[in-house]
């Protein structure tokens, strides 16, 4: 008996040691990943933030401390946003690696517990960043302290905590009212006091639904805008163009325009104002000279404006032609066509997957993205094409993230919020981090709703209730596929349609003129 008990104790001790080492290893990996993401986020924010902020506040230690604390919170939130965007691609890649090398010693650390913990940590810190850190950093940066108190960081912290508490009370009250309207059975006192397990997940589900709706609008636009961005960044092929002749022609035209502009400016500067006492003594002559002088000066100003505008157009065309001249044949003839073909391929595959997922949902073959089971990594590949299909899914997910970002930041109302290099203030950085966090947290939901991947949403991401609503999921797929198809068709047929409309209008006017002449 004693020997059996000793063996059991040794087995339990060995199991405890294994669990302890696994836990330490997982937290070490989490810490290393977070450090990498934080350093990348800090470098990215440092590329956009205004450098004169620290110079402006360098004489005040309190202002500098507030600025640094808000910047650290902002960087932390951006790191979590990048981690949320990488959740699904890393999970798909991990599953394929474990499927290909199940007994490899070098991937023993990669297991279901690690991926599950990664999803849980990202969900937890996403809530923390979105509902605590980013609002607090914004209020802290904009605070000035209560009136009647000594100016300092303590007074500003008191004001920030007070305003943040009032804001949290209002938001939680609205959350309780909305949840009571949606599900009256859960509107009880116990639910009202249950903050961590009910209100915050429900509030996060509302925010994620808002993010998915934003992706529904900006992702189809991003498919179209990305073609324009690639056309601006990469050099297009010449294709029956003599760039050198065009460049020299623009040089001659520029010289001509500058000569005309110099002549117009000198004649306008040499024209002395008319003196009515020296030229004409009668009122009629004075009135006539004033009219002629004002009309001549106005015409000269108009010619000067037109010449300046044409000169700017010529300089812009010259820069474009100079870029074409300095580019290599490889960039012109290979990089640009390959990039455009790759964009067309990824867009076509995405539309095809969305259409297939819509039909499978309608027939009943495909299950809803709401996850209710525990997933184990490394059992089998989730793609019908194996590792190649999984790599394609990862590329499409990154492509969706890029197109959604391009589409969102090229919208007209984002002109004042869009970050600019070395000229973005701290408040704009906080707003942009909140937007990126909302979009990146909704990216795994978007990929799962559209059927890009069959990998289940793990942790609390898979327990968002509206993912189990068939009408919402089916309508989302239908609208996304239709909007994307219409945007792509409109992009590539706009020139032809404009030409056809112009021809039809021209023929219509000719017919009208012919009928009027006959009559």
Protein backbone atom coordinates (compact mmCIF):
# COMPACT_ATOMS: atom_id res chain seq x y z
CA UNK A 1 0.00 0.00 0.00
CA UNK A 2 2.75 2.39 0.93
CA UNK A 3 4.59 1.61 -2.29
CA UNK A 4 1.44 2.25 -4.32
CA UNK A 5 0.84 5.53 -2.52
CA UNK A 6 4.44 6.58 -3.10
CA UNK A 7 4.10 5.79 -6.82
CA UNK A 8 0.86 7.77 -7.03
CA UNK A 9 2.45 10.68 -5.20
CA UNK A 10 5.40 10.58 -7.59
CA UNK A 11 3.04 10.52 -10.59
CA UNK A 12 1.11 13.50 -9.22
CA UNK A 13 4.35 15.33 -8.50
CA UNK A 14 5.64 14.64 -12.01
CA UNK A 15 2.33 15.83 -13.49
CA UNK A 16 2.48 18.99 -11.39
CA UNK A 17 6.02 19.61 -12.60
CA UNK A 18 4.93 19.14 -16.22
CA UNK A 19 1.98 21.51 -15.78
CA UNK A 20 4.19 24.05 -14.07
CA UNK A 21 6.79 23.96 -16.83
CA UNK A 22 4.09 24.17 -19.51
CA UNK A 23 2.56 27.19 -17.80
CA UNK A 24 5.93 28.92 -17.46
CA UNK A 25 6.76 28.18 -21.09
CA UNK A 26 3.43 29.53 -22.33
CA UNK A 27 3.69 32.74 -20.33
CA UNK A 28 7.27 33.21 -21.52
CA UNK A 29 6.12 32.88 -25.13
CA UNK A 30 3.26 35.32 -24.48
CA UNK A 31 5.72 37.81 -22.98
CA UNK A 32 8.14 37.52 -25.90
CA UNK A 33 5.35 37.95 -28.45
CA UNK A 34 4.01 40.97 -26.60
CA UNK A 35 7.46 42.54 -26.42
CA UNK A 36 7.91 42.12 -30.18
CA UNK A 37 4.49 43.61 -30.86
CA UNK A 38 5.09 46.47 -28.45
CA UNK A 39 8.43 47.36 -30.01
CA UNK A 40 6.90 47.26 -33.49
CA UNK A 41 3.98 49.41 -32.35
CA UNK A 42 6.30 51.92 -30.71
CA UNK A 43 8.35 52.21 -33.91
CA UNK A 44 5.17 52.65 -35.95
CA UNK A 45 3.80 55.35 -33.65
CA UNK A 46 7.19 57.06 -33.60
CA UNK A 47 7.00 57.29 -37.38
CA UNK A 48 3.73 59.26 -37.27
CA UNK A 49 3.69 61.24 -34.03
CA UNK A 50 4.63 64.89 -33.90
CA UNK A 51 8.17 65.47 -32.76
CA UNK A 52 7.46 68.95 -31.48
CA UNK A 53 5.20 67.67 -28.70
CA UNK A 54 8.09 66.77 -26.40
CA UNK A 55 9.92 69.95 -27.33
CA UNK A 56 6.79 71.93 -26.52
CA UNK A 57 6.32 70.28 -23.13
CA UNK A 58 10.00 69.85 -22.24
CA UNK A 59 9.86 72.82 -19.84
CA UNK A 60 6.99 71.27 -17.86
CA UNK A 61 7.69 67.91 -16.23
CA UNK A 62 4.01 67.21 -15.49
CA UNK A 63 2.99 67.71 -19.10
CA UNK A 64 5.83 65.51 -20.26
CA UNK A 65 4.83 62.76 -17.79
CA UNK A 66 1.20 62.89 -18.90
CA UNK A 67 2.27 62.73 -22.53
CA UNK A 68 4.50 59.70 -21.94
CA UNK A 69 1.88 57.79 -19.94
CA UNK A 70 -0.77 58.38 -22.61
CA UNK A 71 1.70 57.37 -25.31
CA UNK A 72 2.53 54.12 -23.49
CA UNK A 73 -1.17 53.25 -23.21
CA UNK A 74 -1.63 54.05 -26.87
CA UNK A 75 1.32 51.85 -27.84
CA UNK A 76 0.01 48.99 -25.69
CA UNK A 77 -3.39 49.20 -27.41
CA UNK A 78 -1.83 49.21 -30.87
CA UNK A 79 0.22 46.12 -29.96
CA UNK A 80 -2.97 44.33 -28.93
CA UNK A 81 -4.65 45.44 -32.18
CA UNK A 82 -1.84 43.93 -34.24
CA UNK A 83 -2.04 40.76 -32.15
CA UNK A 84 -5.79 40.52 -32.79
CA UNK A 85 -5.20 40.81 -36.54
CA UNK A 86 -2.59 38.02 -36.38
CA UNK A 87 -4.69 35.61 -34.29
CA UNK A 88 -6.36 33.67 -37.08
CA UNK A 89 -3.33 33.48 -39.45
CA UNK A 90 -1.07 32.25 -36.63
CA UNK A 91 -3.64 29.67 -35.56
CA UNK A 92 -4.05 28.35 -39.11
CA UNK A 93 -0.27 28.16 -39.59
CA UNK A 94 0.18 26.41 -36.23
CA UNK A 95 -2.41 23.78 -37.11
CA UNK A 96 -0.70 23.06 -40.44
CA UNK A 97 2.74 22.82 -38.82
CA UNK A 98 1.48 20.33 -36.23
CA UNK A 99 -0.27 18.36 -38.96
CA UNK A 100 2.91 18.11 -41.04
CA UNK A 101 5.30 17.47 -38.13
CA UNK A 102 3.30 15.82 -35.32
CA UNK A 103 6.30 14.16 -33.62
CA UNK A 104 8.92 16.84 -34.13
CA UNK A 105 10.83 17.86 -31.03
CA UNK A 106 11.10 21.49 -32.16
CA UNK A 107 7.32 22.10 -32.22
CA UNK A 108 6.41 20.40 -28.95
CA UNK A 109 5.81 23.84 -27.41
CA UNK A 110 3.13 24.53 -30.02
CA UNK A 111 -0.09 23.05 -28.63
CA UNK A 112 -3.79 23.77 -28.21
CA UNK A 113 -3.31 25.26 -24.75
CA UNK A 114 -0.91 27.86 -26.11
CA UNK A 115 -3.22 28.94 -28.95
CA UNK A 116 -6.26 28.92 -26.67
CA UNK A 117 -4.44 31.08 -24.12
CA UNK A 118 -3.34 33.45 -26.87
CA UNK A 119 -6.95 33.99 -27.96
CA UNK A 120 -8.08 34.50 -24.36
CA UNK A 121 -5.33 37.01 -23.61
CA UNK A 122 -6.03 39.00 -26.77
CA UNK A 123 -9.75 39.11 -25.97
CA UNK A 124 -9.07 40.23 -22.39
CA UNK A 125 -6.57 42.94 -23.34
CA UNK A 126 -8.76 44.09 -26.23
CA UNK A 127 -11.53 44.82 -23.74
CA UNK A 128 -9.04 46.48 -21.42
CA UNK A 129 -7.60 48.67 -24.16
CA UNK A 130 -10.88 49.59 -25.77
CA UNK A 131 -12.89 50.37 -22.65
CA UNK A 132 -10.23 51.48 -20.16
CA UNK A 133 -6.80 52.41 -21.51
CA UNK A 134 -7.69 54.39 -24.63
CA UNK A 135 -10.51 56.47 -23.03
CA UNK A 136 -8.36 57.07 -19.96
CA UNK A 137 -5.33 58.12 -22.03
CA UNK A 138 -7.44 60.54 -24.09
CA UNK A 139 -9.06 62.09 -21.01
CA UNK A 140 -5.71 62.19 -19.21
CA UNK A 141 -4.02 63.99 -22.11
CA UNK A 142 -6.85 66.53 -22.41
CA UNK A 143 -7.27 67.14 -18.66
CA UNK A 144 -6.21 70.36 -16.95
CA UNK A 145 -7.04 69.66 -13.29
CA UNK A 146 -9.92 70.83 -11.10
CA UNK A 147 -10.32 74.52 -10.43
CA UNK A 148 -9.06 75.55 -7.00
CA UNK A 149 -6.50 72.74 -6.77
CA UNK A 150 -2.79 72.99 -7.26
CA UNK A 151 -1.73 72.38 -10.83
CA UNK A 152 0.03 69.07 -11.19
CA UNK A 153 -0.28 65.49 -12.25
CA UNK A 154 -2.32 64.50 -9.15
CA UNK A 155 -5.00 67.07 -9.92
CA UNK A 156 -5.17 65.94 -13.54
CA UNK A 157 -5.41 62.31 -12.41
CA UNK A 158 -8.34 63.17 -10.11
CA UNK A 159 -10.16 64.91 -12.94
CA UNK A 160 -9.50 62.02 -15.32
CA UNK A 161 -10.77 59.41 -12.84
CA UNK A 162 -13.89 61.47 -12.15
CA UNK A 163 -14.77 62.01 -15.80
CA UNK A 164 -13.92 58.40 -16.66
CA UNK A 165 -16.15 57.10 -13.85
CA UNK A 166 -19.07 59.21 -15.05
CA UNK A 167 -18.50 58.06 -18.62
CA UNK A 168 -18.32 54.41 -17.53
CA UNK A 169 -21.54 54.79 -15.54
CA UNK A 170 -23.36 56.22 -18.56
CA UNK A 171 -22.02 53.55 -20.94
CA UNK A 172 -22.88 50.68 -18.59
CA UNK A 173 -26.35 52.13 -18.05
CA UNK A 174 -26.95 52.31 -21.80
CA UNK A 175 -25.60 48.77 -22.15
CA UNK A 176 -28.06 47.49 -19.55
CA UNK A 177 -30.96 49.26 -21.25
CA UNK A 178 -30.05 47.89 -24.70
CA UNK A 179 -29.57 44.36 -23.38
CA UNK A 180 -32.91 44.58 -21.56
CA UNK A 181 -34.63 45.64 -24.77
CA UNK A 182 -33.03 42.79 -26.73
CA UNK A 183 -33.55 40.10 -24.07
CA UNK A 184 -36.04 41.14 -21.34
CA UNK A 185 -35.49 37.88 -19.42
CA UNK A 186 -31.96 38.95 -18.47
CA UNK A 187 -32.95 42.36 -17.10
CA UNK A 188 -32.55 41.65 -13.39
CA UNK A 189 -30.57 43.11 -10.50
CA UNK A 190 -28.14 40.20 -10.61
CA UNK A 191 -27.45 40.92 -14.27
CA UNK A 192 -26.98 44.61 -13.51
CA UNK A 193 -24.28 43.82 -10.95
CA UNK A 194 -22.66 41.13 -13.10
CA UNK A 195 -20.14 43.39 -14.81
CA UNK A 196 -17.31 41.09 -15.82
CA UNK A 197 -19.22 38.12 -17.22
CA UNK A 198 -22.20 39.88 -18.83
CA UNK A 199 -21.88 43.62 -19.47
CA UNK A 200 -18.36 43.73 -20.87
CA UNK A 201 -18.84 40.71 -23.22
CA UNK A 202 -22.14 42.17 -24.41
CA UNK A 203 -20.56 45.59 -24.92
CA UNK A 204 -17.66 44.00 -26.78
CA UNK A 205 -20.09 42.06 -28.98
CA UNK A 206 -21.79 45.36 -29.88
CA UNK A 207 -18.42 46.94 -30.70
CA UNK A 208 -17.40 43.90 -32.75
CA UNK A 209 -20.69 44.10 -34.65
CA UNK A 210 -19.95 47.76 -35.38
CA UNK A 211 -16.47 46.78 -36.57
CA UNK A 212 -17.88 44.09 -38.86
CA UNK A 213 -20.31 46.64 -40.34
CA UNK A 214 -17.39 49.04 -40.93
CA UNK A 215 -15.51 46.24 -42.69
CA UNK A 216 -18.61 45.59 -44.82
CA UNK A 217 -18.42 49.18 -46.08
CA UNK A 218 -14.69 49.78 -46.38
CA UNK A 219 -13.46 46.37 -47.62
CA UNK A 220 -15.24 46.45 -51.04
CA UNK A 221 -14.04 50.04 -51.46
CA UNK A 222 -10.54 48.92 -50.51
CA UNK A 223 -10.55 46.32 -53.30
CA UNK A 224 -10.97 49.17 -55.79
CA UNK A 225 -8.72 51.72 -54.09
CA UNK A 226 -5.87 49.23 -53.77
CA UNK A 227 -5.55 49.04 -57.55
CA UNK A 228 -5.08 52.80 -57.63
CA UNK A 229 -2.54 52.70 -54.79
CA UNK A 230 -0.52 50.02 -56.60
CA UNK A 231 -0.67 52.10 -59.77
CA UNK A 232 0.70 55.12 -57.92
CA UNK A 233 3.48 53.27 -56.11
CA UNK A 234 4.70 50.99 -58.89
CA UNK A 235 5.89 52.05 -62.31
CA UNK A 236 3.58 51.14 -65.19
CA UNK A 237 4.89 49.70 -68.49
CA UNK A 238 5.47 52.16 -71.34
CA UNK A 239 3.39 50.24 -73.90
CA UNK A 240 3.87 52.06 -77.22
CA UNK A 241 5.00 55.28 -75.55
CA UNK A 242 8.18 57.20 -76.24
CA UNK A 243 8.86 58.61 -72.80
CA UNK A 244 11.93 60.58 -73.84
CA UNK A 245 10.04 62.44 -76.59
CA UNK A 246 7.20 63.23 -74.18
CA UNK A 247 9.69 64.44 -71.58
CA UNK A 248 11.43 66.78 -74.04
CA UNK A 249 8.06 68.04 -75.31
CA UNK A 250 7.06 68.92 -71.76
CA UNK A 251 10.40 70.71 -71.30
CA UNK A 252 9.72 72.86 -74.37
CA UNK A 253 6.17 73.56 -73.20
CA UNK A 254 7.41 74.45 -69.72
CA UNK A 255 9.90 76.95 -71.18
CA UNK A 256 7.16 78.47 -73.31
CA UNK A 257 4.76 78.78 -70.39
CA UNK A 258 7.43 80.32 -68.17
CA UNK A 259 8.27 82.85 -70.89
CA UNK A 260 4.60 83.80 -71.31
CA UNK A 261 4.21 84.01 -67.53
CA UNK A 262 7.23 86.29 -67.24
CA UNK A 263 5.92 88.51 -70.05
CA UNK A 264 2.47 88.73 -68.46
CA UNK A 265 3.89 89.49 -65.01
CA UNK A 266 6.25 92.19 -66.32
CA UNK A 267 3.53 93.88 -68.37
CA UNK A 268 1.21 93.79 -65.38
CA UNK A 269 3.90 95.22 -63.09
CA UNK A 270 4.92 97.96 -65.55
CA UNK A 271 1.33 99.09 -66.13
CA UNK A 272 1.02 102.29 -64.06
CA UNK A 273 -2.32 103.16 -62.50
CA UNK A 274 -4.29 105.66 -64.44
CA UNK A 275 -4.47 109.23 -63.18
CA UNK A 276 -7.78 110.78 -64.30
CA UNK A 277 -6.58 114.40 -63.70
CA UNK A 278 -3.61 113.97 -66.09
CA UNK A 279 -5.31 112.02 -68.86
CA UNK A 280 -8.83 113.36 -69.22
CA UNK A 281 -10.48 116.37 -67.75
CA UNK A 282 -14.05 115.49 -68.55
CA UNK A 283 -16.09 112.89 -66.74
CA UNK A 284 -16.87 110.83 -69.83
CA UNK A 285 -13.18 110.23 -70.70
CA UNK A 286 -12.39 109.38 -67.07
CA UNK A 287 -15.18 106.80 -66.93
CA UNK A 288 -14.09 105.17 -70.19
CA UNK A 289 -10.42 104.85 -69.15
CA UNK A 290 -11.38 103.32 -65.80
CA UNK A 291 -13.47 100.65 -67.51
CA UNK A 292 -10.72 99.83 -70.03
CA UNK A 293 -7.99 99.74 -67.35
CA UNK A 294 -9.95 97.48 -65.00
CA UNK A 295 -10.88 95.05 -67.78
CA UNK A 296 -7.26 94.89 -69.00
CA UNK A 297 -5.91 94.21 -65.49
CA UNK A 298 -8.58 91.55 -64.89
CA UNK A 299 -7.70 89.79 -68.14
CA UNK A 300 -4.00 89.83 -67.24
CA UNK A 301 -4.74 88.33 -63.81
CA UNK A 302 -6.87 85.61 -65.40
CA UNK A 303 -4.10 84.75 -67.91
CA UNK A 304 -1.56 84.58 -65.11
CA UNK A 305 -3.73 82.19 -63.08
CA UNK A 306 -4.28 79.95 -66.10
CA UNK A 307 -0.55 79.87 -66.89
CA UNK A 308 0.36 79.03 -63.28
CA UNK A 309 -2.14 76.18 -63.24
CA UNK A 310 -0.80 74.82 -66.51
CA UNK A 311 2.76 75.10 -65.18
CA UNK A 312 1.84 72.99 -62.13
CA UNK A 313 0.30 70.35 -64.41
CA UNK A 314 3.42 70.26 -66.56
CA UNK A 315 5.67 69.87 -63.51
CA UNK A 316 3.52 67.01 -62.22
CA UNK A 317 3.66 65.26 -65.61
CA UNK A 318 7.41 65.80 -65.73
CA UNK A 319 7.88 64.14 -62.35
CA UNK A 320 5.83 61.16 -63.51
CA UNK A 321 7.80 60.88 -66.74
CA UNK A 322 11.09 61.24 -64.89
CA UNK A 323 10.02 58.36 -62.64
CA UNK A 324 9.27 56.29 -65.74
CA UNK A 325 12.64 57.16 -67.30
CA UNK A 326 14.62 56.27 -64.19
CA UNK A 327 12.85 52.93 -63.63
CA UNK A 328 14.36 49.67 -64.79
CA UNK A 329 12.87 47.36 -67.38
CA UNK A 330 12.27 44.72 -64.69
CA UNK A 331 10.13 47.13 -62.64
CA UNK A 332 8.13 48.23 -65.65
CA UNK A 333 7.56 44.91 -67.38
CA UNK A 334 7.43 42.41 -64.52
CA UNK A 335 6.71 43.95 -61.10
CA UNK A 336 3.65 45.98 -62.09
CA UNK A 337 1.93 43.22 -64.14
CA UNK A 338 2.65 40.61 -61.46
CA UNK A 339 1.25 42.90 -58.75
CA UNK A 340 -1.93 43.60 -60.73
CA UNK A 341 -2.41 39.92 -61.58
CA UNK A 342 -1.90 39.02 -57.91
CA UNK A 343 -4.51 41.58 -56.82
CA UNK A 344 -6.98 40.29 -59.41
CA UNK A 345 -6.32 36.70 -58.33
CA UNK A 346 -6.82 37.39 -54.62
CA UNK A 347 -9.94 39.45 -55.28
CA UNK A 348 -11.41 36.76 -57.53
CA UNK A 349 -10.65 34.00 -55.01
CA UNK A 350 -12.23 36.07 -52.21
CA UNK A 351 -15.42 36.66 -54.21
CA UNK A 352 -15.56 32.97 -55.16
CA UNK A 353 -15.20 31.88 -51.52
CA UNK A 354 -17.89 34.32 -50.41
CA UNK A 355 -20.31 33.10 -53.11
CA UNK A 356 -19.60 29.46 -52.21
CA UNK A 357 -20.11 30.16 -48.51
CA UNK A 358 -23.40 31.97 -49.24
CA UNK A 359 -24.75 29.00 -51.22
CA UNK A 360 -23.63 26.51 -48.55
CA UNK A 361 -25.34 28.57 -45.84
CA UNK A 362 -28.50 28.75 -47.91
CA UNK A 363 -28.56 25.01 -48.57
CA UNK A 364 -27.60 24.13 -45.00
CA UNK A 365 -24.23 22.48 -45.63
CA UNK A 366 -22.17 25.11 -43.83
CA UNK A 367 -22.55 25.64 -40.08
CA UNK A 368 -22.78 29.06 -38.50
CA UNK A 369 -19.53 30.61 -37.22
CA UNK A 370 -20.65 30.41 -33.59
CA UNK A 371 -18.26 28.00 -31.85
CA UNK A 372 -19.43 25.83 -28.97
CA UNK A 373 -16.77 23.10 -28.89
CA UNK A 374 -13.15 22.81 -27.91
CA UNK A 375 -10.71 22.55 -30.78
CA UNK A 376 -7.51 20.48 -30.76
CA UNK A 377 -4.63 21.47 -33.00
CA UNK A 378 -2.79 19.11 -35.30
CA UNK A 379 -5.51 16.50 -35.94
CA UNK A 380 -6.07 17.28 -39.62
CA UNK A 381 -5.75 20.11 -42.10
CA UNK A 382 -8.78 22.38 -42.22
CA UNK A 383 -8.28 23.18 -45.90
CA UNK A 384 -9.24 20.90 -48.77
CA UNK A 385 -5.97 21.78 -50.51
CA UNK A 386 -3.84 21.00 -47.47
CA UNK A 387 -0.91 23.30 -46.60
CA UNK A 388 -1.24 25.13 -49.94
CA UNK A 389 -4.87 25.96 -49.21
CA UNK A 390 -3.98 27.05 -45.67
CA UNK A 391 -1.27 29.37 -47.03
CA UNK A 392 -3.81 30.81 -49.47
CA UNK A 393 -6.26 31.39 -46.61
CA UNK A 394 -3.59 33.25 -44.64
CA UNK A 395 -2.78 35.41 -47.68
CA UNK A 396 -6.47 36.23 -48.19
CA UNK A 397 -6.88 37.19 -44.53
CA UNK A 398 -3.91 39.56 -44.76
CA UNK A 399 -5.31 40.86 -48.04
CA UNK A 400 -8.66 41.57 -46.38
CA UNK A 401 -6.87 43.44 -43.61
CA UNK A 402 -4.92 45.54 -46.12
CA UNK A 403 -7.97 46.33 -48.27
CA UNK A 404 -10.10 47.26 -45.26
CA UNK A 405 -7.40 49.65 -44.00
CA UNK A 406 -6.94 51.25 -47.42
CA UNK A 407 -10.69 51.55 -47.96
CA UNK A 408 -11.33 53.02 -44.52
CA UNK A 409 -8.54 55.60 -44.55
CA UNK A 410 -9.35 56.78 -48.08
CA UNK A 411 -12.91 57.69 -47.18
CA UNK A 412 -13.65 61.45 -47.32
CA UNK A 413 -14.64 61.82 -43.66
CA UNK A 414 -11.28 60.34 -42.57
CA UNK A 415 -9.31 63.24 -44.04
CA UNK A 416 -8.93 65.03 -40.70
CA UNK A 417 -8.23 61.85 -38.70
CA UNK A 418 -5.88 60.11 -41.14
CA UNK A 419 -2.36 59.89 -39.62
CA UNK A 420 0.38 61.83 -41.35
CA UNK A 421 4.08 61.22 -41.01
CA UNK A 422 5.69 63.35 -38.26
CA UNK A 423 2.54 65.49 -38.00
CA UNK A 424 0.03 63.42 -36.01
CA UNK A 425 -0.94 64.72 -32.60
CA UNK A 426 -1.42 62.52 -29.54
CA UNK A 427 -5.23 62.79 -29.61
CA UNK A 428 -5.25 61.72 -33.27
CA UNK A 429 -2.98 58.78 -32.44
CA UNK A 430 -5.37 57.63 -29.72
CA UNK A 431 -8.36 57.86 -32.07
CA UNK A 432 -6.52 55.94 -34.79
CA UNK A 433 -5.45 53.24 -32.32
CA UNK A 434 -9.08 52.82 -31.25
CA UNK A 435 -10.19 52.52 -34.89
CA UNK A 436 -7.44 50.01 -35.72
CA UNK A 437 -8.31 47.98 -32.60
CA UNK A 438 -11.99 47.82 -33.59
CA UNK A 439 -11.19 46.79 -37.17
CA UNK A 440 -8.51 44.26 -36.24
CA UNK A 441 -10.71 42.66 -33.57
CA UNK A 442 -13.46 42.29 -36.17
CA UNK A 443 -11.10 40.78 -38.78
CA UNK A 444 -11.24 37.19 -37.38
CA UNK A 445 -15.03 37.48 -37.23
CA UNK A 446 -15.12 38.72 -40.84
CA UNK A 447 -12.93 35.86 -42.05
CA UNK A 448 -15.08 33.30 -40.25
CA UNK A 449 -18.40 34.82 -41.38
CA UNK A 450 -17.31 34.91 -45.04
CA UNK A 451 -16.06 31.32 -44.89
CA UNK A 452 -12.46 32.21 -45.71
CA UNK A 453 -11.30 29.63 -43.18
CA UNK A 454 -12.90 26.75 -41.30
CA UNK A 455 -10.80 27.38 -38.20
CA UNK A 456 -13.15 27.90 -35.25
CA UNK A 457 -13.09 31.15 -33.31
CA UNK A 458 -11.57 30.21 -29.97
CA UNK A 459 -12.21 31.60 -26.52
CA UNK A 460 -14.75 34.35 -26.05
CA UNK A 461 -14.52 35.32 -29.73
CA UNK A 462 -16.54 32.26 -30.67
CA UNK A 463 -19.21 32.92 -28.04
CA UNK A 464 -20.49 36.23 -29.46
CA UNK A 465 -24.22 35.63 -29.69
CA UNK A 466 -25.04 37.36 -32.98
CA UNK A 467 -22.70 34.93 -34.80
CA UNK A 468 -25.40 32.29 -34.31
CA UNK A 469 -28.05 34.34 -36.10
CA UNK A 470 -28.62 32.87 -39.57
CA UNK A 471 -30.28 35.98 -40.99
CA UNK A 472 -27.38 38.25 -40.02
CA UNK A 473 -24.67 35.90 -41.31
CA UNK A 474 -26.45 35.09 -44.58
CA UNK A 475 -27.39 38.71 -45.30
CA UNK A 476 -23.83 39.80 -44.54
CA UNK A 477 -22.39 37.31 -47.04
CA UNK A 478 -24.92 38.34 -49.66
CA UNK A 479 -24.30 42.07 -49.27
CA UNK A 480 -20.51 41.64 -49.15
CA UNK A 481 -20.38 39.53 -52.31
CA UNK A 482 -22.74 41.84 -54.20
CA UNK A 483 -20.96 45.03 -53.13
CA UNK A 484 -17.52 43.64 -53.98
CA UNK A 485 -18.65 42.45 -57.41
CA UNK A 486 -20.30 45.78 -58.23
CA UNK A 487 -17.23 47.77 -57.10
CA UNK A 488 -14.87 45.66 -59.22
CA UNK A 489 -17.14 45.81 -62.27
CA UNK A 490 -17.54 49.56 -61.85
CA UNK A 491 -13.75 49.95 -61.56
CA UNK A 492 -12.90 48.18 -64.79
CA UNK A 493 -15.87 49.34 -66.88
CA UNK A 494 -16.01 53.00 -65.84
CA UNK A 495 -13.89 54.23 -68.78
CA UNK A 496 -15.91 52.24 -71.32
CA UNK A 497 -19.22 53.41 -69.85
CA UNK A 498 -18.13 57.06 -69.88
CA UNK A 499 -17.06 56.77 -73.51
CA UNK A 500 -20.34 55.10 -74.47
CA UNK A 501 -22.35 57.78 -72.69
CA UNK A 502 -20.34 60.51 -74.42
CA UNK A 503 -20.94 58.88 -77.82
CA UNK A 504 -24.64 58.48 -77.15
CA UNK A 505 -24.97 62.12 -76.09
CA UNK A 506 -23.02 63.23 -79.17
CA UNK A 507 -25.22 61.19 -81.50
CA UNK A 508 -28.34 62.45 -79.77
CA UNK A 509 -27.26 66.07 -80.27
CA UNK A 510 -26.48 65.38 -83.93
CA UNK A 511 -29.93 63.91 -84.46
CA UNK A 512 -31.57 66.87 -82.73
CA UNK A 513 -29.61 69.35 -84.85
CA UNK A 514 -30.46 67.43 -88.02
CA UNK A 515 -34.16 67.41 -87.18
CA UNK A 516 -34.07 71.14 -86.40
CA UNK A 517 -32.36 71.87 -89.73
CA UNK A 518 -34.94 69.83 -91.63
CA UNK A 519 -37.82 71.61 -89.93
